[in-house]
């Protein structure tokens, strides 16, 4: 108001005035070019990340590691910076990573619950994730029923690697959209049906190339359970056969945290014959498969998974986390690794087949948030949320 009065006064005096932009004018300008909101700072790391995005040299791990710093940054800065990064990723045809950025911003809000605006930011970035997930749904929904159609859509190089990765990325993003509580019923229903179609008709969705992709199966199976519970057994058994074969006849799966190069080397074998790679003995994917079978109350499927994996030498491993300290992958405190999880050999009927099948939520967040945030570290999952969302 003072600026308007001053502008009017100088114009009456015949002096040069200036243009005033109200919020309705500024809002679309900021939305179109959100980086202007960071003009007062010196975001060198941000500019480096944006350069990598423009050069198509970024991947999930680069983006997730960069966003860990947001858990200790002012939430207003997080909101602007996440918009900048997500917008650039979307423009670079990496909408899947833009959806990951939205979850990283949710992590920042959840880890700073006492900060002003945390609830508003959390609500906004949930909707942002849904928007990017819907964009992927619009783009690939029609190709979900045919592996050839999907391969033509993505036109991948190194198809044996990129095809299963792409399938599981879609399954993860669509799965989260299908069970999101704040999404309209029509969109959520489309996402659940697309996820179900993908898991039924795309072999790549049952072929995780490393333990990094076990996390993708969790929201996918939760969505499948909500849409077509009868299809759970076939999918879990298909993944089990794939994982067991990897350990029985190959090097097993590369562990969580493996780089894309390490994934490829572990999956395809070393480029030179004289290079030896140690066979992995433990598997987070094994723990995910068993926990999903228990959460879905599938005793015969559970016993099949356990017998197949143990026979192949795949030992389930799991990380128990106090996320109030571990911050969903942003910190290394509050973590307890269970190198080999001891699952009951037969179905107990109590809903407890392993030691970590106890306890309730202590983080105080919603089940969807917990599952969504667990896709960031990719090394653990909230057992209580699986049970709650499958009840």
Protein backbone atom coordinates (compact mmCIF):
# COMPACT_ATOMS: atom_id res chain seq x y z
CA UNK A 1 0.00 0.00 0.00
CA UNK A 2 2.82 2.43 0.85
CA UNK A 3 4.50 1.63 -2.45
CA UNK A 4 1.27 2.41 -4.32
CA UNK A 5 0.88 5.76 -2.51
CA UNK A 6 4.50 6.67 -3.22
CA UNK A 7 4.16 5.74 -6.88
CA UNK A 8 1.03 7.88 -7.21
CA UNK A 9 2.78 10.85 -5.54
CA UNK A 10 5.87 10.82 -7.74
CA UNK A 11 3.73 10.53 -10.85
CA UNK A 12 1.69 13.58 -9.78
CA UNK A 13 4.96 15.48 -9.45
CA UNK A 14 5.86 14.52 -13.00
CA UNK A 15 8.73 12.29 -11.89
CA UNK A 16 9.38 8.79 -13.24
CA UNK A 17 7.15 6.22 -11.59
CA UNK A 18 7.37 2.44 -11.58
CA UNK A 19 5.19 -0.58 -12.25
CA UNK A 20 3.70 -2.51 -9.36
CA UNK A 21 2.97 -6.25 -9.57
CA UNK A 22 0.49 -7.75 -7.15
CA UNK A 23 0.38 -11.38 -6.06
CA UNK A 24 -1.86 -12.45 -8.94
CA UNK A 25 0.81 -11.25 -11.36
CA UNK A 26 3.80 -12.56 -9.41
CA UNK A 27 2.39 -16.00 -8.72
CA UNK A 28 2.38 -17.27 -12.35
CA UNK A 29 5.77 -15.64 -12.96
CA UNK A 30 7.26 -17.51 -10.00
CA UNK A 31 5.59 -20.72 -11.11
CA UNK A 32 7.09 -20.37 -14.59
CA UNK A 33 10.58 -19.48 -13.34
CA UNK A 34 10.86 -20.59 -9.72
CA UNK A 35 14.65 -20.14 -9.65
CA UNK A 36 14.15 -16.40 -9.26
CA UNK A 37 13.16 -17.10 -5.66
CA UNK A 38 16.76 -18.12 -4.95
CA UNK A 39 18.36 -15.03 -6.44
CA UNK A 40 19.49 -13.69 -3.08
CA UNK A 41 21.50 -16.78 -2.20
CA UNK A 42 24.55 -18.46 -3.71
CA UNK A 43 23.22 -21.91 -4.66
CA UNK A 44 26.37 -23.38 -6.18
CA UNK A 45 25.42 -27.00 -5.49
CA UNK A 46 21.97 -26.39 -6.90
CA UNK A 47 23.38 -24.95 -10.10
CA UNK A 48 25.69 -27.96 -10.41
CA UNK A 49 22.72 -30.31 -10.04
CA UNK A 50 20.71 -28.38 -12.61
CA UNK A 51 23.65 -28.62 -14.99
CA UNK A 52 23.76 -32.39 -14.56
CA UNK A 53 20.02 -32.57 -15.24
CA UNK A 54 20.38 -30.52 -18.43
CA UNK A 55 23.17 -32.81 -19.61
CA UNK A 56 21.14 -35.96 -18.86
CA UNK A 57 23.81 -37.05 -16.37
CA UNK A 58 21.67 -37.41 -13.29
CA UNK A 59 20.04 -40.44 -11.71
CA UNK A 60 17.97 -41.35 -8.68
CA UNK A 61 20.93 -41.55 -6.29
CA UNK A 62 22.29 -38.14 -7.27
CA UNK A 63 18.92 -36.49 -6.74
CA UNK A 64 18.14 -38.25 -3.47
CA UNK A 65 21.54 -37.54 -1.93
CA UNK A 66 21.31 -33.88 -2.87
CA UNK A 67 17.90 -33.51 -1.22
CA UNK A 68 19.06 -34.92 2.14
CA UNK A 69 20.25 -31.43 3.11
CA UNK A 70 16.67 -30.18 3.01
CA UNK A 71 15.86 -31.76 6.38
CA UNK A 72 17.93 -29.00 8.00
CA UNK A 73 17.03 -26.10 5.71
CA UNK A 74 14.29 -23.47 6.16
CA UNK A 75 11.09 -24.89 4.69
CA UNK A 76 10.49 -21.83 2.50
CA UNK A 77 13.83 -22.44 0.85
CA UNK A 78 12.97 -26.14 0.49
CA UNK A 79 9.69 -25.26 -1.22
CA UNK A 80 11.39 -23.04 -3.80
CA UNK A 81 14.40 -25.29 -4.36
CA UNK A 82 12.26 -28.40 -4.78
CA UNK A 83 10.11 -26.57 -7.32
CA UNK A 84 13.22 -25.56 -9.27
CA UNK A 85 14.68 -29.07 -9.35
CA UNK A 86 11.39 -30.84 -10.07
CA UNK A 87 10.52 -28.40 -12.84
CA UNK A 88 13.90 -28.93 -14.50
CA UNK A 89 13.59 -32.71 -14.25
CA UNK A 90 10.13 -32.61 -15.77
CA UNK A 91 11.40 -30.51 -18.67
CA UNK A 92 14.22 -33.05 -19.14
CA UNK A 93 11.73 -35.93 -19.46
CA UNK A 94 12.53 -37.32 -16.00
CA UNK A 95 9.10 -36.94 -14.47
CA UNK A 96 9.78 -40.02 -12.34
CA UNK A 97 12.64 -38.18 -10.63
CA UNK A 98 10.49 -35.07 -10.30
CA UNK A 99 8.09 -37.23 -8.27
CA UNK A 100 11.05 -38.30 -6.11
CA UNK A 101 11.88 -34.63 -5.46
CA UNK A 102 8.32 -34.10 -4.20
CA UNK A 103 8.82 -36.95 -1.70
CA UNK A 104 12.15 -35.47 -0.63
CA UNK A 105 10.36 -32.20 0.13
CA UNK A 106 7.80 -34.20 2.12
CA UNK A 107 10.71 -35.71 4.06
CA UNK A 108 11.92 -32.21 4.92
CA UNK A 109 8.47 -31.21 6.17
CA UNK A 110 7.99 -34.40 8.19
CA UNK A 111 11.43 -34.05 9.79
CA UNK A 112 10.67 -30.48 10.90
CA UNK A 113 7.12 -30.76 12.24
CA UNK A 114 7.47 -27.81 14.62
CA UNK A 115 8.55 -25.39 11.89
CA UNK A 116 5.94 -22.91 10.63
CA UNK A 117 4.40 -24.06 7.39
CA UNK A 118 5.43 -27.72 7.70
CA UNK A 119 1.86 -29.01 7.39
CA UNK A 120 1.16 -26.73 4.41
CA UNK A 121 4.36 -27.82 2.66
CA UNK A 122 3.59 -31.50 3.30
CA UNK A 123 0.11 -31.10 1.85
CA UNK A 124 1.42 -29.24 -1.21
CA UNK A 125 4.16 -31.71 -2.08
CA UNK A 126 1.81 -34.68 -1.72
CA UNK A 127 -0.32 -33.03 -4.39
CA UNK A 128 2.81 -32.29 -6.42
CA UNK A 129 3.78 -35.97 -6.31
CA UNK A 130 0.26 -36.90 -7.42
CA UNK A 131 0.51 -34.43 -10.31
CA UNK A 132 3.75 -35.95 -11.58
CA UNK A 133 2.42 -39.48 -11.07
CA UNK A 134 -0.70 -38.57 -13.06
CA UNK A 135 1.48 -37.16 -15.81
CA UNK A 136 3.24 -40.53 -16.07
CA UNK A 137 -0.12 -42.27 -15.95
CA UNK A 138 -1.40 -40.21 -18.87
CA UNK A 139 1.77 -40.91 -20.83
CA UNK A 140 2.13 -44.68 -20.36
CA UNK A 141 -1.20 -46.06 -19.18
CA UNK A 142 -2.24 -47.35 -22.59
CA UNK A 143 1.06 -49.23 -23.05
CA UNK A 144 0.89 -51.03 -19.69
CA UNK A 145 -0.88 -54.09 -21.11
CA UNK A 146 1.74 -54.90 -23.75
CA UNK A 147 5.46 -55.32 -23.19
CA UNK A 148 6.19 -54.52 -26.83
CA UNK A 149 4.13 -51.33 -26.69
CA UNK A 150 5.93 -50.19 -23.54
CA UNK A 151 9.35 -50.96 -25.02
CA UNK A 152 8.46 -48.91 -28.09
CA UNK A 153 7.29 -46.05 -25.88
CA UNK A 154 10.51 -45.84 -23.90
CA UNK A 155 12.79 -46.82 -26.82
CA UNK A 156 15.52 -47.97 -24.45
CA UNK A 157 19.15 -48.74 -25.00
CA UNK A 158 20.46 -51.75 -23.05
CA UNK A 159 16.92 -53.07 -22.95
CA UNK A 160 17.73 -55.90 -20.54
CA UNK A 161 18.54 -53.30 -17.90
CA UNK A 162 16.39 -50.29 -18.70
CA UNK A 163 13.14 -52.15 -19.36
CA UNK A 164 12.78 -53.76 -15.89
CA UNK A 165 13.97 -50.56 -14.20
CA UNK A 166 11.37 -48.52 -16.07
CA UNK A 167 8.63 -51.03 -15.25
CA UNK A 168 9.42 -50.89 -11.54
CA UNK A 169 9.68 -47.09 -11.53
CA UNK A 170 6.19 -46.89 -13.04
CA UNK A 171 4.91 -49.51 -10.60
CA UNK A 172 6.30 -47.52 -7.66
CA UNK A 173 4.95 -44.13 -8.73
CA UNK A 174 1.58 -45.44 -9.88
CA UNK A 175 1.31 -47.65 -6.80
CA UNK A 176 1.73 -44.66 -4.49
CA UNK A 177 -0.83 -42.72 -6.49
CA UNK A 178 -3.30 -45.60 -6.32
CA UNK A 179 -3.31 -45.68 -2.50
CA UNK A 180 -2.87 -41.95 -1.84
CA UNK A 181 -5.59 -40.72 0.55
CA UNK A 182 -5.68 -37.17 -0.82
CA UNK A 183 -6.19 -38.12 -4.48
CA UNK A 184 -9.64 -38.13 -6.06
CA UNK A 185 -11.27 -41.54 -6.47
CA UNK A 186 -11.22 -41.47 -10.27
CA UNK A 187 -7.48 -40.82 -10.53
CA UNK A 188 -6.64 -43.27 -7.74
CA UNK A 189 -8.75 -45.94 -9.42
CA UNK A 190 -6.99 -45.38 -12.75
CA UNK A 191 -3.63 -45.69 -11.03
CA UNK A 192 -4.58 -48.94 -9.28
CA UNK A 193 -5.87 -50.46 -12.51
CA UNK A 194 -2.76 -49.37 -14.41
CA UNK A 195 -0.52 -50.80 -11.69
CA UNK A 196 -2.44 -54.08 -11.76
CA UNK A 197 -2.17 -54.26 -15.55
CA UNK A 198 1.53 -53.50 -15.39
CA UNK A 199 2.25 -56.21 -12.83
CA UNK A 200 0.20 -58.76 -14.77
CA UNK A 201 1.46 -58.05 -18.28
CA UNK A 202 4.99 -56.63 -17.99
CA UNK A 203 7.61 -59.30 -17.15
CA UNK A 204 10.06 -56.54 -16.27
CA UNK A 205 7.93 -55.57 -13.28
CA UNK A 206 8.84 -58.92 -11.70
CA UNK A 207 12.56 -58.66 -12.51
CA UNK A 208 14.36 -56.34 -10.06
CA UNK A 209 17.94 -56.02 -11.26
CA UNK A 210 19.23 -55.21 -7.76
CA UNK A 211 18.03 -54.77 -4.20
CA UNK A 212 17.55 -51.07 -4.98
CA UNK A 213 14.32 -52.00 -6.73
CA UNK A 214 12.80 -54.06 -3.95
CA UNK A 215 11.43 -50.79 -2.54
CA UNK A 216 9.44 -50.28 -5.74
CA UNK A 217 7.51 -53.50 -5.19
CA UNK A 218 6.00 -52.33 -1.90
CA UNK A 219 3.68 -49.53 -3.13
CA UNK A 220 2.98 -51.58 -6.26
CA UNK A 221 1.80 -54.58 -4.23
CA UNK A 222 -0.20 -52.38 -1.86
CA UNK A 223 -2.02 -50.93 -4.85
CA UNK A 224 -2.49 -54.39 -6.38
CA UNK A 225 -3.92 -55.63 -3.08
CA UNK A 226 -6.45 -52.81 -3.09
CA UNK A 227 -7.48 -53.50 -6.70
CA UNK A 228 -7.14 -57.27 -7.23
CA UNK A 229 -5.98 -59.28 -4.19
CA UNK A 230 -6.31 -62.53 -6.13
CA UNK A 231 -3.37 -61.46 -8.34
CA UNK A 232 -0.94 -61.10 -5.42
CA UNK A 233 0.12 -64.74 -5.32
CA UNK A 234 1.11 -64.90 -8.98
CA UNK A 235 3.13 -61.70 -8.81
CA UNK A 236 4.99 -62.53 -5.61
CA UNK A 237 5.83 -66.01 -6.89
CA UNK A 238 7.08 -64.61 -10.20
CA UNK A 239 9.44 -62.21 -8.43
CA UNK A 240 10.56 -64.99 -6.08
CA UNK A 241 11.53 -67.24 -8.98
CA UNK A 242 13.52 -64.40 -10.54
CA UNK A 243 15.37 -63.54 -7.32
CA UNK A 244 16.03 -67.20 -6.48
CA UNK A 245 17.40 -67.82 -9.97
CA UNK A 246 19.74 -64.83 -9.61
CA UNK A 247 21.26 -66.40 -6.49
CA UNK A 248 21.12 -69.98 -7.68
CA UNK A 249 22.78 -69.51 -11.04
CA UNK A 250 24.47 -66.10 -10.89
CA UNK A 251 25.96 -63.50 -8.61
CA UNK A 252 22.74 -62.67 -6.81
CA UNK A 253 21.41 -59.13 -6.72
CA UNK A 254 23.59 -56.09 -6.14
CA UNK A 255 22.89 -54.60 -2.69
CA UNK A 256 20.95 -51.46 -1.82
CA UNK A 257 23.04 -48.42 -2.65
CA UNK A 258 24.72 -49.98 -5.67
CA UNK A 259 25.38 -47.51 -8.47
CA UNK A 260 23.89 -48.08 -11.93
CA UNK A 261 27.30 -49.30 -13.09
CA UNK A 262 27.54 -51.73 -10.18
CA UNK A 263 24.01 -52.93 -10.88
CA UNK A 264 24.87 -53.61 -14.49
CA UNK A 265 28.12 -55.39 -13.64
CA UNK A 266 26.42 -57.57 -11.05
CA UNK A 267 23.49 -58.31 -13.33
CA UNK A 268 25.32 -58.93 -16.60
CA UNK A 269 28.69 -60.05 -15.25
CA UNK A 270 32.08 -58.31 -15.50
CA UNK A 271 33.22 -56.95 -18.84
CA UNK A 272 36.51 -58.89 -18.63
CA UNK A 273 36.60 -62.57 -17.74
CA UNK A 274 39.50 -62.30 -15.29
CA UNK A 275 37.61 -59.83 -13.08
CA UNK A 276 35.88 -61.60 -10.22
CA UNK A 277 32.83 -60.29 -8.36
CA UNK A 278 31.84 -61.69 -5.01
CA UNK A 279 28.45 -63.36 -4.97
CA UNK A 280 26.03 -61.55 -2.71
CA UNK A 281 24.68 -63.70 0.12
CA UNK A 282 22.06 -61.36 1.56
CA UNK A 283 19.03 -59.84 -0.08
CA UNK A 284 16.72 -57.03 0.92
CA UNK A 285 14.38 -58.16 -1.88
CA UNK A 286 13.97 -61.47 -0.03
CA UNK A 287 12.82 -59.66 3.11
CA UNK A 288 10.41 -57.51 1.10
CA UNK A 289 8.83 -60.54 -0.58
CA UNK A 290 8.39 -62.37 2.71
CA UNK A 291 7.00 -59.33 4.54
CA UNK A 292 4.51 -58.62 1.76
CA UNK A 293 3.26 -62.21 1.91
CA UNK A 294 2.86 -61.98 5.68
CA UNK A 295 1.14 -58.58 5.55
CA UNK A 296 -1.28 -59.92 2.92
CA UNK A 297 -1.94 -63.04 5.03
CA UNK A 298 -0.85 -65.51 2.36
CA UNK A 299 0.53 -68.56 4.23
CA UNK A 300 1.10 -70.82 1.21
CA UNK A 301 2.79 -68.01 -0.69
CA UNK A 302 4.94 -67.21 2.32
CA UNK A 303 6.17 -70.78 2.66
CA UNK A 304 6.86 -70.98 -1.09
CA UNK A 305 8.91 -67.77 -0.98
CA UNK A 306 10.88 -68.85 2.09
CA UNK A 307 11.68 -72.30 0.72
CA UNK A 308 12.68 -71.04 -2.73
CA UNK A 309 14.92 -68.27 -1.45
CA UNK A 310 16.65 -70.28 1.23
CA UNK A 311 17.26 -73.13 -1.21
CA UNK A 312 18.90 -70.66 -3.59
CA UNK A 313 21.06 -69.17 -0.84
CA UNK A 314 19.34 -65.78 -0.72
CA UNK A 315 19.36 -64.72 2.92
CA UNK A 316 16.87 -61.97 3.80
CA UNK A 317 18.38 -58.85 5.35
CA UNK A 318 16.59 -55.92 6.94
CA UNK A 319 17.33 -52.60 8.61
CA UNK A 320 15.32 -51.51 11.63
CA UNK A 321 15.17 -47.73 11.88
CA UNK A 322 14.14 -45.10 14.38
CA UNK A 323 13.13 -42.60 11.71
CA UNK A 324 12.96 -39.72 14.18
CA UNK A 325 16.75 -40.01 14.13
CA UNK A 326 17.41 -41.70 10.77
CA UNK A 327 15.15 -39.17 8.99
CA UNK A 328 14.10 -41.51 6.21
CA UNK A 329 17.56 -41.75 4.68
CA UNK A 330 18.80 -38.24 5.41
CA UNK A 331 20.86 -39.35 8.44
CA UNK A 332 22.71 -42.47 9.54
CA UNK A 333 21.68 -42.47 13.18
CA UNK A 334 19.06 -44.77 14.65
CA UNK A 335 19.76 -47.73 12.33
CA UNK A 336 20.11 -51.37 13.33
CA UNK A 337 21.09 -53.85 10.63
CA UNK A 338 19.81 -57.41 10.87
CA UNK A 339 22.24 -59.20 8.49
CA UNK A 340 20.13 -62.35 8.31
CA UNK A 341 16.49 -62.19 9.39
CA UNK A 342 15.23 -65.41 10.96
CA UNK A 343 11.77 -66.12 9.57
CA UNK A 344 9.61 -68.92 11.00
CA UNK A 345 9.85 -71.99 8.82
CA UNK A 346 6.10 -72.56 8.93
CA UNK A 347 3.11 -70.27 9.17
CA UNK A 348 2.35 -69.37 12.77
CA UNK A 349 -1.02 -67.72 12.20
CA UNK A 350 -0.14 -64.96 14.64
CA UNK A 351 0.89 -62.43 12.00
CA UNK A 352 4.41 -62.53 13.42
CA UNK A 353 6.88 -64.52 11.35
CA UNK A 354 10.01 -62.53 12.30
CA UNK A 355 11.24 -60.38 15.16
CA UNK A 356 10.57 -57.10 13.35
CA UNK A 357 6.87 -58.03 12.95
CA UNK A 358 6.08 -56.30 16.21
CA UNK A 359 5.43 -52.80 17.43
CA UNK A 360 3.34 -49.94 16.20
CA UNK A 361 4.10 -46.63 14.59
CA UNK A 362 6.12 -44.33 16.81
CA UNK A 363 6.79 -41.61 14.26
CA UNK A 364 3.31 -40.13 14.40
CA UNK A 365 2.87 -39.92 10.63
CA UNK A 366 0.30 -41.43 8.29
CA UNK A 367 0.82 -44.87 6.77
CA UNK A 368 0.98 -43.50 3.21
CA UNK A 369 3.64 -40.99 4.21
CA UNK A 370 5.68 -43.75 5.85
CA UNK A 371 5.54 -46.00 2.78
CA UNK A 372 6.26 -43.11 0.41
CA UNK A 373 9.22 -41.87 2.46
CA UNK A 374 10.66 -45.38 2.72
CA UNK A 375 11.23 -45.32 -1.04
CA UNK A 376 13.91 -42.67 -0.48
CA UNK A 377 16.48 -44.74 1.50
CA UNK A 378 15.24 -47.94 -0.22
CA UNK A 379 16.84 -50.14 2.45
CA UNK A 380 13.91 -50.56 4.84
CA UNK A 381 10.15 -50.34 5.11
CA UNK A 382 7.63 -49.62 7.88
CA UNK A 383 6.11 -52.97 8.78
CA UNK A 384 3.22 -51.38 10.66
CA UNK A 385 2.23 -49.37 7.59
CA UNK A 386 2.15 -52.47 5.40
CA UNK A 387 -0.19 -54.19 7.83
CA UNK A 388 -2.39 -51.12 8.17
CA UNK A 389 -2.74 -50.56 4.44
CA UNK A 390 -3.51 -54.23 3.78
CA UNK A 391 -6.14 -54.54 6.48
